[in-house]
Amino acid sequence: MPLRSERLRSIQQVAENREQEAARELGRARAKVEESESRLKELVAFREEYTKNFLASAATGMEMSRLLEYQRFLGRIDQAVDHQKTVIEQAKSVYMRRQQAWGYLRGRVLALEKVAERYRQQERVQVDRKEQKEIDERAQRMVRADLLP
């Protein structure tokens, strides 16, 4: 019959696999947050550059249709910035959920490791006791054999 620590090993393996998959998902979620934040920085930088160009053009004089075109496009950029902020918040929310899931699974793996270690320690004690008992019995047999004529 397999030892308790050996039977627990398959359960530990499943828990470790789940924890590793959760860690990969956490990494993907973090990458999505970073990618979304990078995209927002690009949009903000583009808006600043576009505004700078608009102001330079407006300073030298500009037709009304061109002014309205600049304003409409700035409005679209602002919408894109707002949308990207929403994307970031959603990505952060997913990241937080993934982090909690990984933390729970990591705790489970650590708990199973402690239980397995306790089982192994108990098994070592049992083996040591059995060996000591065999040594004691052997010693008694030798003493009896020496005492017999």
Protein backbone atom coordinates (compact mmCIF):
# COMPACT_ATOMS: atom_id res chain seq x y z
CA MET A 1 0.00 0.00 0.00
CA PRO A 2 1.48 3.39 -0.98
CA LEU A 3 2.50 5.75 1.78
CA ARG A 4 0.25 8.70 2.55
CA SER A 5 2.89 11.13 1.27
CA GLU A 6 3.00 9.24 -2.04
CA ARG A 7 -0.80 9.25 -2.38
CA LEU A 8 -0.81 12.98 -1.68
CA ARG A 9 1.76 13.58 -4.43
CA SER A 10 -0.79 13.34 -7.27
CA ILE A 11 -3.03 15.86 -5.50
CA GLN A 12 -0.04 18.14 -5.05
CA GLN A 13 0.82 17.81 -8.75
CA VAL A 14 -2.70 18.84 -9.80
CA ALA A 15 -2.59 21.80 -7.41
CA GLU A 16 0.84 22.85 -8.71
CA ASN A 17 -0.36 22.63 -12.32
CA ARG A 18 -3.35 24.81 -11.52
CA GLU A 19 -1.16 27.31 -9.68
CA GLN A 20 1.27 27.45 -12.61
CA GLU A 21 -1.57 28.05 -15.08
CA ALA A 22 -2.92 30.80 -12.81
CA ALA A 23 0.57 32.35 -12.75
CA ARG A 24 0.66 32.32 -16.56
CA GLU A 25 -2.79 33.94 -16.68
CA LEU A 26 -1.62 36.53 -14.17
CA GLY A 27 1.37 37.29 -16.40
CA ARG A 28 -0.86 37.67 -19.45
CA ALA A 29 -3.18 39.97 -17.51
CA ARG A 30 -0.23 42.10 -16.37
CA ALA A 31 1.02 42.31 -19.97
CA LYS A 32 -2.45 43.47 -21.07
CA VAL A 33 -2.39 46.25 -18.45
CA GLU A 34 1.08 47.35 -19.56
CA GLU A 35 0.10 47.22 -23.22
CA SER A 36 -3.05 49.26 -22.53
CA GLU A 37 -1.11 51.84 -20.54
CA SER A 38 1.46 52.11 -23.32
CA ARG A 39 -1.32 52.65 -25.86
CA LEU A 40 -2.77 55.43 -23.68
CA LYS A 41 0.64 57.14 -23.51
CA GLU A 42 0.87 56.97 -27.30
CA LEU A 43 -2.60 58.50 -27.68
CA VAL A 44 -1.84 61.29 -25.22
CA ALA A 45 1.47 62.02 -26.97
CA PHE A 46 -0.31 62.05 -30.33
CA ARG A 47 -2.96 64.43 -28.98
CA GLU A 48 -0.28 66.76 -27.62
CA GLU A 49 1.56 66.75 -30.96
CA TYR A 50 -1.66 67.31 -32.89
CA THR A 51 -2.65 70.17 -30.55
CA LYS A 52 0.80 71.72 -30.97
CA ASN A 53 0.43 71.56 -34.76
CA PHE A 54 -3.09 72.99 -34.50
CA LEU A 55 -1.91 75.94 -32.41
CA ALA A 56 0.98 76.62 -34.80
CA SER A 57 -1.41 76.59 -37.78
CA ALA A 58 -3.98 78.72 -35.96
CA ALA A 59 -1.35 81.34 -35.09
CA THR A 60 -0.72 82.02 -38.78
CA GLY A 61 -4.40 82.10 -39.64
CA MET A 62 -6.74 79.31 -40.60
CA GLU A 63 -9.96 78.83 -42.51
CA MET A 64 -13.06 78.05 -40.50
CA SER A 65 -13.52 74.64 -42.18
CA ARG A 66 -9.96 73.68 -41.26
CA LEU A 67 -10.52 74.88 -37.68
CA LEU A 68 -13.66 72.74 -37.41
CA GLU A 69 -11.79 69.74 -38.85
CA TYR A 70 -9.05 70.11 -36.22
CA GLN A 71 -11.65 70.37 -33.45
CA ARG A 72 -13.57 67.30 -34.67
CA PHE A 73 -10.40 65.28 -34.87
CA LEU A 74 -9.31 66.43 -31.39
CA GLY A 75 -12.73 65.27 -30.17
CA ARG A 76 -12.13 61.85 -31.69
CA ILE A 77 -8.72 61.65 -30.07
CA ASP A 78 -10.27 62.60 -26.73
CA GLN A 79 -12.85 59.83 -27.18
CA ALA A 80 -10.06 57.37 -27.94
CA VAL A 81 -8.19 58.51 -24.80
CA ASP A 82 -11.33 58.06 -22.68
CA HIS A 83 -11.96 54.65 -24.21
CA GLN A 84 -8.37 53.61 -23.54
CA LYS A 85 -8.73 54.66 -19.90
CA THR A 86 -11.76 52.39 -19.67
CA VAL A 87 -9.77 49.56 -21.27
CA ILE A 88 -7.03 50.08 -18.69
CA GLU A 89 -9.49 49.96 -15.79
CA GLN A 90 -10.99 46.75 -17.15
CA ALA A 91 -7.53 45.24 -17.65
CA LYS A 92 -6.57 46.19 -14.08
CA SER A 93 -9.75 44.60 -12.79
CA VAL A 94 -8.95 41.36 -14.63
CA TYR A 95 -5.39 41.54 -13.30
CA MET A 96 -6.63 41.91 -9.71
CA ARG A 97 -8.96 38.91 -10.09
CA ARG A 98 -6.13 36.84 -11.58
CA GLN A 99 -3.84 37.90 -8.76
CA GLN A 100 -6.40 36.82 -6.16
CA ALA A 101 -6.95 33.49 -7.92
CA TRP A 102 -3.21 32.86 -8.10
CA GLY A 103 -2.78 33.82 -4.44
CA TYR A 104 -5.48 31.36 -3.40
CA LEU A 105 -3.97 28.56 -5.49
CA ARG A 106 -0.45 29.36 -4.25
CA GLY A 107 -1.68 29.13 -0.67
CA ARG A 108 -3.23 25.77 -1.45
CA VAL A 109 0.03 24.46 -2.89
CA LEU A 110 1.96 25.64 0.17
CA ALA A 111 -0.59 24.04 2.50
CA LEU A 112 -0.35 20.73 0.63
CA GLU A 113 3.45 20.92 0.82
CA LYS A 114 3.22 21.33 4.61
CA VAL A 115 0.86 18.37 4.92
CA ALA A 116 3.11 16.23 2.72
CA GLU A 117 6.16 17.18 4.76
CA ARG A 118 4.32 16.28 7.97
CA TYR A 119 3.38 12.90 6.44
CA ARG A 120 6.97 12.27 5.38
CA GLN A 121 8.19 13.14 8.89
CA GLN A 122 5.66 10.73 10.43
CA GLU A 123 6.73 8.04 7.96
CA ARG A 124 10.40 8.59 8.86
CA VAL A 125 9.56 8.25 12.56
CA GLN A 126 7.69 4.99 11.86
CA VAL A 127 10.62 3.62 9.84
CA ASP A 128 13.06 4.64 12.58
CA ARG A 129 10.91 2.96 15.24
CA LYS A 130 10.63 -0.20 13.17
CA GLU A 131 14.38 -0.31 12.62
CA GLN A 132 15.01 0.30 16.32
CA LYS A 133 12.60 -2.48 17.23
CA GLU A 134 14.38 -4.88 14.85
CA ILE A 135 17.76 -3.91 16.33
CA ASP A 136 16.43 -4.44 19.86
CA GLU A 137 14.96 -7.83 18.94
CA ARG A 138 18.20 -8.91 17.28
CA ALA A 139 20.15 -7.83 20.34
CA GLN A 140 17.82 -9.80 22.61
CA ARG A 141 18.21 -12.90 20.44
CA MET A 142 21.97 -12.56 20.58
CA VAL A 143 21.91 -12.16 24.37
CA ARG A 144 19.66 -15.22 24.70
CA ALA A 145 21.89 -17.20 22.36
CA ASP A 146 24.92 -16.28 24.47
CA LEU A 147 23.12 -17.31 27.68
CA LEU A 148 22.13 -20.73 26.41
CA PRO A 149 24.62 -23.51 27.15
